[in-house]
Amino acid sequence: LSQDVARGVSVGAFARLLDYSAPGAGYFAPDRFVLAEGRAAYTLASRGWVGRVGAGLGVQHTSGAATQAEWHADVRAGRRWGAINAVELFASVTNSVASSASGAFRYRTAGLRILIGF
């Protein structure tokens, strides 16, 4: 859930529950994972160019472990044209257990996204 609160600024909440009916069936996954997070983002767009900075702070709990703080930060920049087409660079960092198959903390990612509509 998110809501625009000012020009380019949005705030919201995010929750996720993963629970396997057959314990141990997931690839290095805990039997249960719960996440609740507050989020905020700022987006700036001008003549087809778009930039976004976002962050979240919350709590996470996996089966067999204590409840832990969870956070993430991300940045995106790109160019859009037409109704669907876009090229975008992105990067993020998080300590969420859900973002890594091994449960490693401080998981980082970066990439290039190209979306072409036909």
C-alpha atoms as a PDB file:
ATOM      1  CA  LEU A   1       0.000   0.000   0.000  1.00  0.00           C
ATOM      2  CA  SER A   2       1.277   3.451  -0.824  1.00  0.00           C
ATOM      3  CA  GLN A   3      -0.081   6.975  -0.999  1.00  0.00           C
ATOM      4  CA  ASP A   4       1.247  10.125  -2.650  1.00  0.00           C
ATOM      5  CA  VAL A   5       1.565  12.778   0.055  1.00  0.00           C
ATOM      6  CA  ALA A   6       3.289  15.571  -1.869  1.00  0.00           C
ATOM      7  CA  ARG A   7       4.576  16.133  -5.387  1.00  0.00           C
ATOM      8  CA  GLY A   8       6.897  13.184  -6.072  1.00  0.00           C
ATOM      9  CA  VAL A   9       6.744  11.881  -2.486  1.00  0.00           C
ATOM     10  CA  SER A  10       4.971   8.687  -1.497  1.00  0.00           C
ATOM     11  CA  VAL A  11       4.777   6.761   1.766  1.00  0.00           C
ATOM     12  CA  GLY A  12       3.335   3.366   2.490  1.00  0.00           C
ATOM     13  CA  ALA A  13       3.455  -0.004   4.148  1.00  0.00           C
ATOM     14  CA  PHE A  14       4.486  -3.441   2.913  1.00  0.00           C
ATOM     15  CA  ALA A  15       3.946  -6.867   4.469  1.00  0.00           C
ATOM     16  CA  ARG A  16       4.914 -10.361   3.350  1.00  0.00           C
ATOM     17  CA  LEU A  17       4.293 -13.830   4.760  1.00  0.00           C
ATOM     18  CA  LEU A  18       5.886 -16.939   3.290  1.00  0.00           C
ATOM     19  CA  ASP A  19       4.998 -20.252   4.851  1.00  0.00           C
ATOM     20  CA  TYR A  20       5.806 -23.691   3.445  1.00  0.00           C
ATOM     21  CA  SER A  21       3.282 -26.467   4.042  1.00  0.00           C
ATOM     22  CA  ALA A  22       6.137 -29.003   3.842  1.00  0.00           C
ATOM     23  CA  PRO A  23       8.866 -27.725   6.209  1.00  0.00           C
ATOM     24  CA  GLY A  24      12.319 -27.690   4.658  1.00  0.00           C
ATOM     25  CA  ALA A  25      10.960 -27.817   1.095  1.00  0.00           C
ATOM     26  CA  GLY A  26      12.301 -24.382   0.094  1.00  0.00           C
ATOM     27  CA  TYR A  27      15.740 -23.772  -1.363  1.00  0.00           C
ATOM     28  CA  PHE A  28      17.652 -22.637   1.749  1.00  0.00           C
ATOM     29  CA  ALA A  29      14.398 -21.012   2.869  1.00  0.00           C
ATOM     30  CA  PRO A  30      13.064 -20.853   6.406  1.00  0.00           C
ATOM     31  CA  ASP A  31       9.789 -22.686   7.038  1.00  0.00           C
ATOM     32  CA  ARG A  32       8.136 -19.331   7.826  1.00  0.00           C
ATOM     33  CA  PHE A  33       9.160 -15.778   7.004  1.00  0.00           C
ATOM     34  CA  VAL A  34       7.255 -12.647   8.082  1.00  0.00           C
ATOM     35  CA  LEU A  35       8.136  -9.070   7.115  1.00  0.00           C
ATOM     36  CA  ALA A  36       6.445  -5.730   7.937  1.00  0.00           C
ATOM     37  CA  GLU A  37       7.943  -2.525   6.606  1.00  0.00           C
ATOM     38  CA  GLY A  38       7.218   1.197   6.330  1.00  0.00           C
ATOM     39  CA  ARG A  39       8.344   2.709   3.014  1.00  0.00           C
ATOM     40  CA  ALA A  40       9.018   6.137   1.527  1.00  0.00           C
ATOM     41  CA  ALA A  41      10.085   7.218  -1.964  1.00  0.00           C
ATOM     42  CA  TYR A  42      10.819  10.341  -3.944  1.00  0.00           C
ATOM     43  CA  THR A  43      10.353  10.334  -7.733  1.00  0.00           C
ATOM     44  CA  LEU A  44      11.442  13.072 -10.116  1.00  0.00           C
ATOM     45  CA  ALA A  45      10.328  12.936 -13.756  1.00  0.00           C
ATOM     46  CA  SER A  46      10.954  15.387 -16.598  1.00  0.00           C
ATOM     47  CA  ARG A  47      10.538  14.996 -20.376  1.00  0.00           C
ATOM     48  CA  GLY A  48      10.891  11.228 -20.420  1.00  0.00           C
ATOM     49  CA  TRP A  49      13.659  11.037 -17.828  1.00  0.00           C
ATOM     50  CA  VAL A  50      12.818   9.556 -14.451  1.00  0.00           C
ATOM     51  CA  GLY A  51      14.730   9.145 -11.188  1.00  0.00           C
ATOM     52  CA  ARG A  52      13.615   7.502  -7.965  1.00  0.00           C
ATOM     53  CA  VAL A  53      15.104   7.089  -4.486  1.00  0.00           C
ATOM     54  CA  GLY A  54      13.351   4.812  -2.007  1.00  0.00           C
ATOM     55  CA  ALA A  55      13.877   3.337   1.429  1.00  0.00           C
ATOM     56  CA  GLY A  56      12.125   1.124   3.937  1.00  0.00           C
ATOM     57  CA  LEU A  57      12.459   0.229   7.601  1.00  0.00           C
ATOM     58  CA  GLY A  58      10.734  -2.588   9.426  1.00  0.00           C
ATOM     59  CA  VAL A  59      10.961  -5.920  11.222  1.00  0.00           C
ATOM     60  CA  GLN A  60      11.419  -9.486  10.002  1.00  0.00           C
ATOM     61  CA  HIS A  61      11.061 -12.871  11.630  1.00  0.00           C
ATOM     62  CA  THR A  62      12.054 -16.317  10.402  1.00  0.00           C
ATOM     63  CA  SER A  63      11.178 -19.600  12.036  1.00  0.00           C
ATOM     64  CA  GLY A  64      13.753 -20.572  14.635  1.00  0.00           C
ATOM     65  CA  ALA A  65      15.255 -17.062  14.949  1.00  0.00           C
ATOM     66  CA  ALA A  66      14.633 -13.894  16.930  1.00  0.00           C
ATOM     67  CA  THR A  67      12.756 -10.956  15.395  1.00  0.00           C
ATOM     68  CA  GLN A  68      15.248  -8.631  13.673  1.00  0.00           C
ATOM     69  CA  ALA A  69      15.307  -5.125  12.228  1.00  0.00           C
ATOM     70  CA  GLU A  70      15.010  -4.981   8.437  1.00  0.00           C
ATOM     71  CA  TRP A  71      15.840  -2.131   6.053  1.00  0.00           C
ATOM     72  CA  HIS A  72      16.413  -1.431   2.393  1.00  0.00           C
ATOM     73  CA  ALA A  73      17.434   1.449   0.129  1.00  0.00           C
ATOM     74  CA  ASP A  74      17.149   1.657  -3.645  1.00  0.00           C
ATOM     75  CA  VAL A  75      17.807   4.080  -6.484  1.00  0.00           C
ATOM     76  CA  ARG A  76      16.615   4.048 -10.114  1.00  0.00           C
ATOM     77  CA  ALA A  77      17.347   6.308 -13.085  1.00  0.00           C
ATOM     78  CA  GLY A  78      16.230   5.945 -16.658  1.00  0.00           C
ATOM     79  CA  ARG A  79      14.538   7.113 -19.800  1.00  0.00           C
ATOM     80  CA  ARG A  80      10.967   6.303 -20.871  1.00  0.00           C
ATOM     81  CA  TRP A  81       9.318   6.811 -24.232  1.00  0.00           C
ATOM     82  CA  GLY A  82       5.989   5.783 -25.676  1.00  0.00           C
ATOM     83  CA  ALA A  83       3.419   4.043 -23.538  1.00  0.00           C
ATOM     84  CA  ILE A  84       5.623   1.183 -22.286  1.00  0.00           C
ATOM     85  CA  ASN A  85       9.239   1.503 -23.465  1.00  0.00           C
ATOM     86  CA  ALA A  86      11.947   2.179 -20.880  1.00  0.00           C
ATOM     87  CA  VAL A  87      15.648   1.801 -20.163  1.00  0.00           C
ATOM     88  CA  GLU A  88      16.578   1.963 -16.495  1.00  0.00           C
ATOM     89  CA  LEU A  89      19.615   1.484 -14.263  1.00  0.00           C
ATOM     90  CA  PHE A  90      18.914   0.373 -10.694  1.00  0.00           C
ATOM     91  CA  ALA A  91      20.760  -0.498  -7.499  1.00  0.00           C
ATOM     92  CA  SER A  92      19.678  -1.542  -4.010  1.00  0.00           C
ATOM     93  CA  VAL A  93      20.991  -2.772  -0.696  1.00  0.00           C
ATOM     94  CA  THR A  94      19.061  -4.586   2.041  1.00  0.00           C
ATOM     95  CA  ASN A  95      19.484  -6.772   5.073  1.00  0.00           C
ATOM     96  CA  SER A  96      16.250  -8.669   4.408  1.00  0.00           C
ATOM     97  CA  VAL A  97      16.556 -12.410   4.811  1.00  0.00           C
ATOM     98  CA  ALA A  98      14.019 -12.862   1.965  1.00  0.00           C
ATOM     99  CA  SER A  99      16.306 -11.309  -0.660  1.00  0.00           C
ATOM    100  CA  SER A 100      18.994 -13.977  -0.437  1.00  0.00           C
ATOM    101  CA  ALA A 101      18.731 -17.737  -0.894  1.00  0.00           C
ATOM    102  CA  SER A 102      21.423 -18.229   1.746  1.00  0.00           C
ATOM    103  CA  GLY A 103      19.961 -15.736   4.229  1.00  0.00           C
ATOM    104  CA  ALA A 104      23.037 -13.507   3.913  1.00  0.00           C
ATOM    105  CA  PHE A 105      22.641 -10.020   5.271  1.00  0.00           C
ATOM    106  CA  ARG A 106      23.607  -6.807   3.462  1.00  0.00           C
ATOM    107  CA  TYR A 107      22.510  -8.175   0.118  1.00  0.00           C
ATOM    108  CA  ARG A 108      23.340  -5.837  -2.788  1.00  0.00           C
ATOM    109  CA  THR A 109      22.019  -5.804  -6.335  1.00  0.00           C
ATOM    110  CA  ALA A 110      22.442  -3.646  -9.439  1.00  0.00           C
ATOM    111  CA  GLY A 111      21.309  -3.966 -12.998  1.00  0.00           C
ATOM    112  CA  LEU A 112      19.951  -2.654 -16.250  1.00  0.00           C
ATOM    113  CA  ARG A 113      16.293  -3.070 -17.195  1.00  0.00           C
ATOM    114  CA  ILE A 114      15.112  -2.713 -20.789  1.00  0.00           C
ATOM    115  CA  LEU A 115      11.376  -2.842 -21.523  1.00  0.00           C
ATOM    116  CA  ILE A 116      10.188  -2.736 -25.135  1.00  0.00           C
ATOM    117  CA  GLY A 117       6.492  -3.044 -25.963  1.00  0.00           C
ATOM    118  CA  PHE A 118       5.271  -4.464 -29.269  1.00  0.00           C
END
